PDB file of N, CA and C in Angstrom:
ATOM      1  N   MET A   1     -15.150   8.343   6.257  1.00  0.00           N
ATOM      2  CA  MET A   1     -14.080   7.808   5.541  1.00  0.00           C
ATOM      3  C   MET A   1     -12.962   8.092   5.713  1.00  0.00           C
ATOM      4  N   LEU A   2     -11.659   6.971   5.553  1.00  0.00           N
ATOM      5  CA  LEU A   2     -10.520   7.558   5.974  1.00  0.00           C
ATOM      6  C   LEU A   2      -9.629   7.310   4.611  1.00  0.00           C
ATOM      7  N   THR A   3      -8.409   8.236   4.480  1.00  0.00           N
ATOM      8  CA  THR A   3      -7.844   8.021   3.097  1.00  0.00           C
ATOM      9  C   THR A   3      -6.442   7.891   3.703  1.00  0.00           C
ATOM     10  N   VAL A   4      -5.706   7.077   3.282  1.00  0.00           N
ATOM     11  CA  VAL A   4      -4.259   6.995   3.662  1.00  0.00           C
ATOM     12  C   VAL A   4      -3.342   7.062   2.309  1.00  0.00           C
ATOM     13  N   VAL A   5      -2.293   7.832   2.455  1.00  0.00           N
ATOM     14  CA  VAL A   5      -1.322   8.121   1.364  1.00  0.00           C
ATOM     15  C   VAL A   5      -0.066   7.637   2.035  1.00  0.00           C
ATOM     16  N   ALA A   6       0.607   6.789   1.396  1.00  0.00           N
ATOM     17  CA  ALA A   6       1.650   6.287   1.773  1.00  0.00           C
ATOM     18  C   ALA A   6       2.842   6.162   0.973  1.00  0.00           C
ATOM     19  N   LYS A   7       3.918   6.533   1.145  1.00  0.00           N
ATOM     20  CA  LYS A   7       5.251   6.510   0.199  1.00  0.00           C
ATOM     21  C   LYS A   7       6.381   5.427   0.587  1.00  0.00           C
ATOM     22  N   ILE A   8       6.441   4.961  -0.573  1.00  0.00           N
ATOM     23  CA  ILE A   8       7.684   3.948  -0.222  1.00  0.00           C
ATOM     24  C   ILE A   8       8.749   4.020  -1.150  1.00  0.00           C
ATOM     25  N   ARG A   9      10.082   3.454  -1.076  1.00  0.00           N
ATOM     26  CA  ARG A   9      10.944   3.572  -2.028  1.00  0.00           C
ATOM     27  C   ARG A   9      11.376   2.200  -1.945  1.00  0.00           C
ATOM     28  N   ALA A  10      11.749   1.774  -3.412  1.00  0.00           N
ATOM     29  CA  ALA A  10      12.676   0.591  -3.478  1.00  0.00           C
ATOM     30  C   ALA A  10      14.063   0.677  -3.758  1.00  0.00           C
ATOM     31  N   PRO A  11      15.148  -0.363  -3.211  1.00  0.00           N
ATOM     32  CA  PRO A  11      16.525  -0.142  -3.614  1.00  0.00           C
ATOM     33  C   PRO A  11      16.743   0.632  -4.900  1.00  0.00           C
ATOM     34  N   LYS A  12      17.881   1.022  -5.445  1.00  0.00           N
ATOM     35  CA  LYS A  12      17.844   1.129  -6.803  1.00  0.00           C
ATOM     36  C   LYS A  12      17.951   0.134  -7.558  1.00  0.00           C
ATOM     37  N   GLY A  13      17.139   0.035  -8.595  1.00  0.00           N
ATOM     38  CA  GLY A  13      17.182  -1.562  -9.645  1.00  0.00           C
ATOM     39  C   GLY A  13      15.986  -2.381  -9.374  1.00  0.00           C
ATOM     40  N   LYS A  14      15.229  -2.095  -7.822  1.00  0.00           N
ATOM     41  CA  LYS A  14      14.329  -3.082  -7.627  1.00  0.00           C
ATOM     42  C   LYS A  14      12.965  -2.496  -7.703  1.00  0.00           C
ATOM     43  N   GLY A  15      12.820  -1.710  -8.435  1.00  0.00           N
ATOM     44  CA  GLY A  15      11.420  -0.911  -8.652  1.00  0.00           C
ATOM     45  C   GLY A  15      10.688  -1.852  -9.311  1.00  0.00           C
ATOM     46  N   ASP A  16      11.015  -2.757 -10.233  1.00  0.00           N
ATOM     47  CA  ASP A  16      10.248  -3.621 -11.152  1.00  0.00           C
ATOM     48  C   ASP A  16       9.729  -4.604 -10.495  1.00  0.00           C
ATOM     49  N   ALA A  17      10.339  -5.248  -9.454  1.00  0.00           N
ATOM     50  CA  ALA A  17      10.317  -6.232  -8.748  1.00  0.00           C
ATOM     51  C   ALA A  17       9.196  -5.557  -7.639  1.00  0.00           C
ATOM     52  N   LEU A  18       9.507  -4.379  -7.062  1.00  0.00           N
ATOM     53  CA  LEU A  18       8.446  -3.983  -6.256  1.00  0.00           C
ATOM     54  C   LEU A  18       7.031  -3.832  -6.653  1.00  0.00           C
ATOM     55  N   ALA A  19       7.183  -3.265  -8.200  1.00  0.00           N
ATOM     56  CA  ALA A  19       6.092  -3.019  -8.874  1.00  0.00           C
ATOM     57  C   ALA A  19       5.115  -4.290  -8.990  1.00  0.00           C
ATOM     58  N   ALA A  20       5.857  -5.563  -9.436  1.00  0.00           N
ATOM     59  CA  ALA A  20       4.943  -6.891  -9.425  1.00  0.00           C
ATOM     60  C   ALA A  20       4.428  -7.217  -7.999  1.00  0.00           C
ATOM     61  N   LEU A  21       4.968  -7.003  -6.983  1.00  0.00           N
ATOM     62  CA  LEU A  21       4.717  -7.234  -5.860  1.00  0.00           C
ATOM     63  C   LEU A  21       3.273  -6.473  -5.580  1.00  0.00           C
ATOM     64  N   LEU A  22       3.412  -5.031  -5.899  1.00  0.00           N
ATOM     65  CA  LEU A  22       2.459  -4.357  -5.499  1.00  0.00           C
ATOM     66  C   LEU A  22       1.035  -4.350  -6.059  1.00  0.00           C
ATOM     67  N   LYS A  23       1.303  -5.048  -7.311  1.00  0.00           N
ATOM     68  CA  LYS A  23      -0.073  -5.189  -7.883  1.00  0.00           C
ATOM     69  C   LYS A  23      -0.438  -6.655  -7.505  1.00  0.00           C
ATOM     70  N   GLU A  24       0.313  -7.674  -6.939  1.00  0.00           N
ATOM     71  CA  GLU A  24      -0.282  -8.771  -6.387  1.00  0.00           C
ATOM     72  C   GLU A  24      -1.137  -8.486  -5.107  1.00  0.00           C
ATOM     73  N   GLN A  25      -0.375  -7.370  -4.370  1.00  0.00           N
ATOM     74  CA  GLN A  25      -0.987  -6.839  -3.159  1.00  0.00           C
ATOM     75  C   GLN A  25      -2.657  -6.247  -3.455  1.00  0.00           C
ATOM     76  N   VAL A  26      -2.524  -5.675  -4.471  1.00  0.00           N
ATOM     77  CA  VAL A  26      -4.147  -4.864  -5.049  1.00  0.00           C
ATOM     78  C   VAL A  26      -5.045  -5.847  -5.118  1.00  0.00           C
ATOM     79  N   ALA A  27      -4.662  -6.802  -5.713  1.00  0.00           N
ATOM     80  CA  ALA A  27      -5.626  -7.790  -6.066  1.00  0.00           C
ATOM     81  C   ALA A  27      -5.932  -8.630  -4.891  1.00  0.00           C
ATOM     82  N   ALA A  28      -4.991  -9.041  -4.032  1.00  0.00           N
ATOM     83  CA  ALA A  28      -5.403  -9.592  -2.361  1.00  0.00           C
ATOM     84  C   ALA A  28      -6.352  -8.786  -1.580  1.00  0.00           C
ATOM     85  N   VAL A  29      -5.973  -7.272  -1.567  1.00  0.00           N
ATOM     86  CA  VAL A  29      -6.727  -6.559  -0.842  1.00  0.00           C
ATOM     87  C   VAL A  29      -8.322  -6.331  -1.420  1.00  0.00           C
ATOM     88  N   MET A  30      -8.368  -6.039  -2.767  1.00  0.00           N
ATOM     89  CA  MET A  30      -9.687  -5.743  -3.099  1.00  0.00           C
ATOM     90  C   MET A  30     -10.637  -7.070  -3.147  1.00  0.00           C
ATOM     91  N   GLN A  31      -9.967  -8.364  -3.041  1.00  0.00           N
ATOM     92  CA  GLN A  31     -10.751  -9.397  -2.882  1.00  0.00           C
ATOM     93  C   GLN A  31     -11.244  -9.724  -1.718  1.00  0.00           C
ATOM     94  N   ALA A  32     -10.231  -9.513  -0.822  1.00  0.00           N
ATOM     95  CA  ALA A  32     -10.625  -9.833   0.858  1.00  0.00           C
ATOM     96  C   ALA A  32     -11.156  -8.730   1.706  1.00  0.00           C
ATOM     97  N   GLU A  33     -11.331  -7.637   1.242  1.00  0.00           N
ATOM     98  CA  GLU A  33     -11.464  -6.505   2.075  1.00  0.00           C
ATOM     99  C   GLU A  33     -12.523  -5.910   1.211  1.00  0.00           C
ATOM    100  N   PRO A  34     -13.977  -6.289   2.035  1.00  0.00           N
ATOM    101  CA  PRO A  34     -14.921  -5.116   1.651  1.00  0.00           C
ATOM    102  C   PRO A  34     -14.983  -3.874   1.831  1.00  0.00           C
ATOM    103  N   GLY A  35     -14.508  -3.432   2.945  1.00  0.00           N
ATOM    104  CA  GLY A  35     -14.270  -2.031   3.556  1.00  0.00           C
ATOM    105  C   GLY A  35     -13.478  -1.323   2.960  1.00  0.00           C
ATOM    106  N   CYS A  36     -12.512  -1.749   2.009  1.00  0.00           N
ATOM    107  CA  CYS A  36     -11.596  -1.099   1.197  1.00  0.00           C
ATOM    108  C   CYS A  36     -12.181  -0.560  -0.102  1.00  0.00           C
ATOM    109  N   ILE A  37     -12.359   0.927  -0.160  1.00  0.00           N
ATOM    110  CA  ILE A  37     -12.986   1.275  -1.255  1.00  0.00           C
ATOM    111  C   ILE A  37     -11.870   1.437  -2.463  1.00  0.00           C
ATOM    112  N   VAL A  38     -10.820   1.913  -2.316  1.00  0.00           N
ATOM    113  CA  VAL A  38      -9.804   2.367  -3.122  1.00  0.00           C
ATOM    114  C   VAL A  38      -8.370   1.685  -2.627  1.00  0.00           C
ATOM    115  N   TYR A  39      -7.651   0.920  -3.387  1.00  0.00           N
ATOM    116  CA  TYR A  39      -6.241   0.695  -2.964  1.00  0.00           C
ATOM    117  C   TYR A  39      -5.194   0.537  -4.285  1.00  0.00           C
ATOM    118  N   ARG A  40      -4.868   1.618  -4.380  1.00  0.00           N
ATOM    119  CA  ARG A  40      -3.999   2.065  -6.005  1.00  0.00           C
ATOM    120  C   ARG A  40      -2.851   2.454  -5.578  1.00  0.00           C
ATOM    121  N   PRO A  41      -1.735   1.946  -6.171  1.00  0.00           N
ATOM    122  CA  PRO A  41      -0.344   2.381  -6.031  1.00  0.00           C
ATOM    123  C   PRO A  41      -0.092   3.020  -7.396  1.00  0.00           C
ATOM    124  N   HIS A  42       1.084   3.963  -7.040  1.00  0.00           N
ATOM    125  CA  HIS A  42       1.343   4.952  -8.404  1.00  0.00           C
ATOM    126  C   HIS A  42       2.788   4.773  -8.040  1.00  0.00           C
ATOM    127  N   ARG A  43       3.296   4.979  -9.513  1.00  0.00           N
ATOM    128  CA  ARG A  43       4.812   5.027  -9.713  1.00  0.00           C
ATOM    129  C   ARG A  43       5.381   6.326 -10.074  1.00  0.00           C
ATOM    130  N   SER A  44       6.238   6.701  -9.522  1.00  0.00           N
ATOM    131  CA  SER A  44       6.665   8.207  -9.930  1.00  0.00           C
ATOM    132  C   SER A  44       7.116   7.964 -11.305  1.00  0.00           C
ATOM    133  N   THR A  45       6.929   9.154 -12.118  1.00  0.00           N
ATOM    134  CA  THR A  45       7.311   9.457 -13.219  1.00  0.00           C
ATOM    135  C   THR A  45       8.800  10.053 -13.511  1.00  0.00           C
ATOM    136  N   LYS A  46       9.169  10.599 -12.302  1.00  0.00           N
ATOM    137  CA  LYS A  46      10.827  10.801 -12.353  1.00  0.00           C
ATOM    138  C   LYS A  46      11.558   9.798 -11.578  1.00  0.00           C
ATOM    139  N   ASP A  47      11.393   9.031 -10.660  1.00  0.00           N
ATOM    140  CA  ASP A  47      12.249   8.347 -10.068  1.00  0.00           C
ATOM    141  C   ASP A  47      11.353   6.544  -9.951  1.00  0.00           C
ATOM    142  N   PRO A  48      11.921   5.829 -10.847  1.00  0.00           N
ATOM    143  CA  PRO A  48      10.946   4.521 -11.017  1.00  0.00           C
ATOM    144  C   PRO A  48      11.159   3.568  -9.997  1.00  0.00           C
ATOM    145  N   ASP A  49      11.751   4.274  -8.668  1.00  0.00           N
ATOM    146  CA  ASP A  49      12.048   3.449  -7.551  1.00  0.00           C
ATOM    147  C   ASP A  49      11.201   3.899  -6.341  1.00  0.00           C
ATOM    148  N   VAL A  50      10.301   4.878  -6.604  1.00  0.00           N
ATOM    149  CA  VAL A  50       9.528   5.359  -5.689  1.00  0.00           C
ATOM    150  C   VAL A  50       8.053   5.203  -6.009  1.00  0.00           C
ATOM    151  N   PHE A  51       7.353   4.858  -5.113  1.00  0.00           N
ATOM    152  CA  PHE A  51       5.863   4.716  -5.280  1.00  0.00           C
ATOM    153  C   PHE A  51       4.942   5.243  -4.061  1.00  0.00           C
ATOM    154  N   VAL A  52       3.956   5.931  -4.430  1.00  0.00           N
ATOM    155  CA  VAL A  52       2.650   6.106  -3.255  1.00  0.00           C
ATOM    156  C   VAL A  52       1.592   5.170  -3.790  1.00  0.00           C
ATOM    157  N   PHE A  53       1.118   5.156  -2.560  1.00  0.00           N
ATOM    158  CA  PHE A  53      -0.136   4.326  -2.589  1.00  0.00           C
ATOM    159  C   PHE A  53      -1.386   5.379  -2.164  1.00  0.00           C
ATOM    160  N   TYR A  54      -2.255   5.201  -2.781  1.00  0.00           N
ATOM    161  CA  TYR A  54      -3.792   5.888  -2.353  1.00  0.00           C
ATOM    162  C   TYR A  54      -4.878   5.050  -2.166  1.00  0.00           C
ATOM    163  N   GLU A  55      -5.146   4.964  -0.509  1.00  0.00           N
ATOM    164  CA  GLU A  55      -5.986   4.290  -0.284  1.00  0.00           C
ATOM    165  C   GLU A  55      -7.365   5.093   0.517  1.00  0.00           C
ATOM    166  N   GLN A  56      -8.404   4.275   0.189  1.00  0.00           N
ATOM    167  CA  GLN A  56      -9.669   4.661   1.227  1.00  0.00           C
ATOM    168  C   GLN A  56     -10.168   3.381   1.643  1.00  0.00           C
ATOM    169  N   TYR A  57     -10.847   3.879   2.770  1.00  0.00           N
ATOM    170  CA  TYR A  57     -11.498   2.757   3.675  1.00  0.00           C
ATOM    171  C   TYR A  57     -12.874   3.349   4.169  1.00  0.00           C
ATOM    172  N   LYS A  58     -13.784   2.554   4.266  1.00  0.00           N
ATOM    173  CA  LYS A  58     -15.346   3.000   4.570  1.00  0.00           C
ATOM    174  C   LYS A  58     -15.291   3.752   5.751  1.00  0.00           C
ATOM    175  N   ASP A  59     -14.581   3.022   6.995  1.00  0.00           N
ATOM    176  CA  ASP A  59     -14.569   3.492   8.224  1.00  0.00           C
ATOM    177  C   ASP A  59     -13.425   3.251   8.809  1.00  0.00           C
ATOM    178  N   ASP A  60     -13.127   3.529  10.280  1.00  0.00           N
ATOM    179  CA  ASP A  60     -12.087   2.760  11.016  1.00  0.00           C
ATOM    180  C   ASP A  60     -11.920   1.485  11.119  1.00  0.00           C
ATOM    181  N   ALA A  61     -13.151   0.928  11.150  1.00  0.00           N
ATOM    182  CA  ALA A  61     -13.138  -0.294  11.219  1.00  0.00           C
ATOM    183  C   ALA A  61     -12.554  -1.555  10.010  1.00  0.00           C
ATOM    184  N   ALA A  62     -12.972  -0.978   9.041  1.00  0.00           N
ATOM    185  CA  ALA A  62     -12.291  -1.191   7.834  1.00  0.00           C
ATOM    186  C   ALA A  62     -10.662  -1.201   7.708  1.00  0.00           C
ATOM    187  N   PHE A  63     -10.117   0.124   8.261  1.00  0.00           N
ATOM    188  CA  PHE A  63      -8.946   0.381   8.049  1.00  0.00           C
ATOM    189  C   PHE A  63      -8.176  -0.457   9.294  1.00  0.00           C
ATOM    190  N   ASP A  64      -8.704  -1.020  10.274  1.00  0.00           N
ATOM    191  CA  ASP A  64      -8.109  -1.829  11.200  1.00  0.00           C
ATOM    192  C   ASP A  64      -8.168  -3.172  10.563  1.00  0.00           C
ATOM    193  N   ALA A  65      -9.137  -3.546   9.927  1.00  0.00           N
ATOM    194  CA  ALA A  65      -9.180  -4.889   9.497  1.00  0.00           C
ATOM    195  C   ALA A  65      -8.035  -4.793   8.246  1.00  0.00           C
ATOM    196  N   HIS A  66      -7.966  -3.920   7.822  1.00  0.00           N
ATOM    197  CA  HIS A  66      -6.918  -4.075   6.611  1.00  0.00           C
ATOM    198  C   HIS A  66      -5.495  -4.271   7.262  1.00  0.00           C
ATOM    199  N   ARG A  67      -5.070  -3.547   8.344  1.00  0.00           N
ATOM    200  CA  ARG A  67      -3.643  -3.609   8.929  1.00  0.00           C
ATOM    201  C   ARG A  67      -3.711  -4.870   9.644  1.00  0.00           C
ATOM    202  N   LYS A  68      -4.725  -5.543  10.006  1.00  0.00           N
ATOM    203  CA  LYS A  68      -4.749  -6.825  10.406  1.00  0.00           C
ATOM    204  C   LYS A  68      -4.842  -8.198   9.712  1.00  0.00           C
ATOM    205  N   ALA A  69      -5.004  -7.847   8.305  1.00  0.00           N
ATOM    206  CA  ALA A  69      -5.170  -8.817   7.412  1.00  0.00           C
ATOM    207  C   ALA A  69      -4.224  -9.618   7.115  1.00  0.00           C
ATOM    208  N   PRO A  70      -4.022 -11.162   7.094  1.00  0.00           N
ATOM    209  CA  PRO A  70      -3.149 -11.995   6.658  1.00  0.00           C
ATOM    210  C   PRO A  70      -2.170 -11.694   5.405  1.00  0.00           C
ATOM    211  N   HIS A  71      -3.086 -11.374   4.470  1.00  0.00           N
ATOM    212  CA  HIS A  71      -2.500 -11.088   3.165  1.00  0.00           C
ATOM    213  C   HIS A  71      -1.637  -9.899   3.247  1.00  0.00           C
ATOM    214  N   LEU A  72      -1.582  -8.614   4.313  1.00  0.00           N
ATOM    215  CA  LEU A  72      -0.999  -7.512   4.454  1.00  0.00           C
ATOM    216  C   LEU A  72       0.362  -7.976   5.155  1.00  0.00           C
ATOM    217  N   THR A  73       0.427  -9.056   6.023  1.00  0.00           N
ATOM    218  CA  THR A  73       1.291  -9.507   6.826  1.00  0.00           C
ATOM    219  C   THR A  73       2.386 -10.437   5.955  1.00  0.00           C
ATOM    220  N   ALA A  74       1.727 -11.126   5.299  1.00  0.00           N
ATOM    221  CA  ALA A  74       2.474 -11.869   4.027  1.00  0.00           C
ATOM    222  C   ALA A  74       3.418 -10.967   2.775  1.00  0.00           C
ATOM    223  N   TYR A  75       2.368  -9.983   2.663  1.00  0.00           N
ATOM    224  CA  TYR A  75       3.169  -8.793   1.764  1.00  0.00           C
ATOM    225  C   TYR A  75       4.490  -8.009   2.217  1.00  0.00           C
ATOM    226  N   ARG A  76       4.163  -7.702   3.654  1.00  0.00           N
ATOM    227  CA  ARG A  76       5.120  -7.000   4.542  1.00  0.00           C
ATOM    228  C   ARG A  76       6.386  -8.143   4.585  1.00  0.00           C
ATOM    229  N   GLU A  77       6.265  -9.309   4.897  1.00  0.00           N
ATOM    230  CA  GLU A  77       7.450 -10.634   5.047  1.00  0.00           C
ATOM    231  C   GLU A  77       7.750 -10.422   3.914  1.00  0.00           C
ATOM    232  N   ARG A  78       7.575 -10.861   2.677  1.00  0.00           N
ATOM    233  CA  ARG A  78       7.974 -11.020   1.174  1.00  0.00           C
ATOM    234  C   ARG A  78       8.721  -9.672   0.852  1.00  0.00           C
ATOM    235  N   ARG A  79       8.176  -8.447   1.108  1.00  0.00           N
ATOM    236  CA  ARG A  79       9.171  -7.338   0.843  1.00  0.00           C
ATOM    237  C   ARG A  79      10.206  -7.223   1.694  1.00  0.00           C
ATOM    238  N   GLU A  80      10.369  -7.399   2.972  1.00  0.00           N
ATOM    239  CA  GLU A  80      11.503  -7.520   3.865  1.00  0.00           C
ATOM    240  C   GLU A  80      12.425  -8.791   3.110  1.00  0.00           C
ATOM    241  N   ARG A  81      11.874  -9.838   3.308  1.00  0.00           N
ATOM    242  CA  ARG A  81      12.873 -10.867   2.656  1.00  0.00           C
ATOM    243  C   ARG A  81      13.615 -10.709   1.326  1.00  0.00           C
ATOM    244  N   GLU A  82      12.960 -10.037   0.518  1.00  0.00           N
ATOM    245  CA  GLU A  82      13.624 -10.113  -0.743  1.00  0.00           C
ATOM    246  C   GLU A  82      14.055  -8.703  -0.820  1.00  0.00           C
ATOM    247  N   GLY A  83      14.086  -7.803   0.093  1.00  0.00           N
ATOM    248  CA  GLY A  83      14.634  -6.458   0.159  1.00  0.00           C
ATOM    249  C   GLY A  83      14.377  -5.517  -0.834  1.00  0.00           C
ATOM    250  N   LEU A  84      12.889  -5.307  -0.965  1.00  0.00           N
ATOM    251  CA  LEU A  84      12.494  -4.518  -1.839  1.00  0.00           C
ATOM    252  C   LEU A  84      12.121  -3.084  -1.559  1.00  0.00           C
ATOM    253  N   THR A  85      12.186  -2.863  -0.136  1.00  0.00           N
ATOM    254  CA  THR A  85      12.100  -1.560  -0.155  1.00  0.00           C
ATOM    255  C   THR A  85      13.122  -1.032   0.752  1.00  0.00           C
ATOM    256  N   GLU A  86      13.376   0.324   0.872  1.00  0.00           N
ATOM    257  CA  GLU A  86      14.525   0.777   1.627  1.00  0.00           C
ATOM    258  C   GLU A  86      14.072   2.055   2.339  1.00  0.00           C
ATOM    259  N   GLY A  87      14.336   2.434   3.731  1.00  0.00           N
ATOM    260  CA  GLY A  87      13.888   3.457   4.584  1.00  0.00           C
ATOM    261  C   GLY A  87      12.747   2.943   5.188  1.00  0.00           C
ATOM    262  N   LYS A  88      12.002   3.976   5.700  1.00  0.00           N
ATOM    263  CA  LYS A  88      10.670   3.860   6.099  1.00  0.00           C
ATOM    264  C   LYS A  88       9.839   4.207   5.338  1.00  0.00           C
ATOM    265  N   ALA A  89       8.793   3.913   5.463  1.00  0.00           N
ATOM    266  CA  ALA A  89       7.502   4.429   4.663  1.00  0.00           C
ATOM    267  C   ALA A  89       6.850   5.481   5.175  1.00  0.00           C
ATOM    268  N   GLU A  90       6.598   6.503   4.510  1.00  0.00           N
ATOM    269  CA  GLU A  90       6.346   7.952   5.071  1.00  0.00           C
ATOM    270  C   GLU A  90       4.573   7.750   4.846  1.00  0.00           C
ATOM    271  N   VAL A  91       3.794   7.600   5.912  1.00  0.00           N
ATOM    272  CA  VAL A  91       2.267   7.376   5.739  1.00  0.00           C
ATOM    273  C   VAL A  91       1.662   8.560   6.429  1.00  0.00           C
ATOM    274  N   GLU A  92       0.583   8.927   5.910  1.00  0.00           N
ATOM    275  CA  GLU A  92      -0.305  10.251   6.333  1.00  0.00           C
ATOM    276  C   GLU A  92      -1.820   9.483   6.084  1.00  0.00           C
ATOM    277  N   ILE A  93      -2.471   9.572   7.313  1.00  0.00           N
ATOM    278  CA  ILE A  93      -3.938   9.452   7.238  1.00  0.00           C
ATOM    279  C   ILE A  93      -4.846  10.638   7.224  1.00  0.00           C
ATOM    280  N   PHE A  94      -5.664  10.625   6.320  1.00  0.00           N
ATOM    281  CA  PHE A  94      -6.872  11.624   6.414  1.00  0.00           C
ATOM    282  C   PHE A  94      -8.164  11.499   6.538  1.00  0.00           C
ATOM    283  N   ARG A  95      -8.997  12.226   7.233  1.00  0.00           N
ATOM    284  CA  ARG A  95     -10.323  11.807   7.615  1.00  0.00           C
ATOM    285  C   ARG A  95     -11.155  12.807   6.494  1.00  0.00           C
ATOM    286  N   SER A  96     -12.119  12.170   5.811  1.00  0.00           N
ATOM    287  CA  SER A  96     -12.726  12.971   4.996  1.00  0.00           C
ATOM    288  C   SER A  96     -13.797  14.216   5.565  1.00  0.00           C
ATOM    289  N   LEU A  97     -13.767  15.152   4.997  1.00  0.00           N
ATOM    290  CA  LEU A  97     -14.608  16.389   5.620  1.00  0.00           C
ATOM    291  C   LEU A  97     -16.099  16.288   5.167  1.00  0.00           C
ATOM    292  N   THR A  98     -16.615  15.639   4.279  1.00  0.00           N
ATOM    293  CA  THR A  98     -17.742  15.548   3.881  1.00  0.00           C
ATOM    294  C   THR A  98     -18.050  13.802   3.828  1.00  0.00           C
ATOM    295  N   ASP A  99     -19.143  13.443   3.714  1.00  0.00           N
ATOM    296  CA  ASP A  99     -19.699  11.966   3.555  1.00  0.00           C
ATOM    297  C   ASP A  99     -19.776  11.940   1.973  1.00  0.00           C
TER     298      ASP A  99
END
């Protein structure tokens, strides 16, 4: 099992718009990706423009399918077009020590 933790930041004042897009993305991922076990965004309680994703995939193939999914491409394109993130995402991938 793979766990992905990703942190992204919205430009000041665009946190609500990014939150709405993230909720749409969750629905698309969970509907289209059977290998995705958890896909959950979280919003900072200190800074409403900071978000962390917690994702789990059953295996490497499921994570690879996620990265190539058309809905992920569409999400990224919309995020860019609408200027909903700033800076580079911080992404860390973990492999489970137990099954």
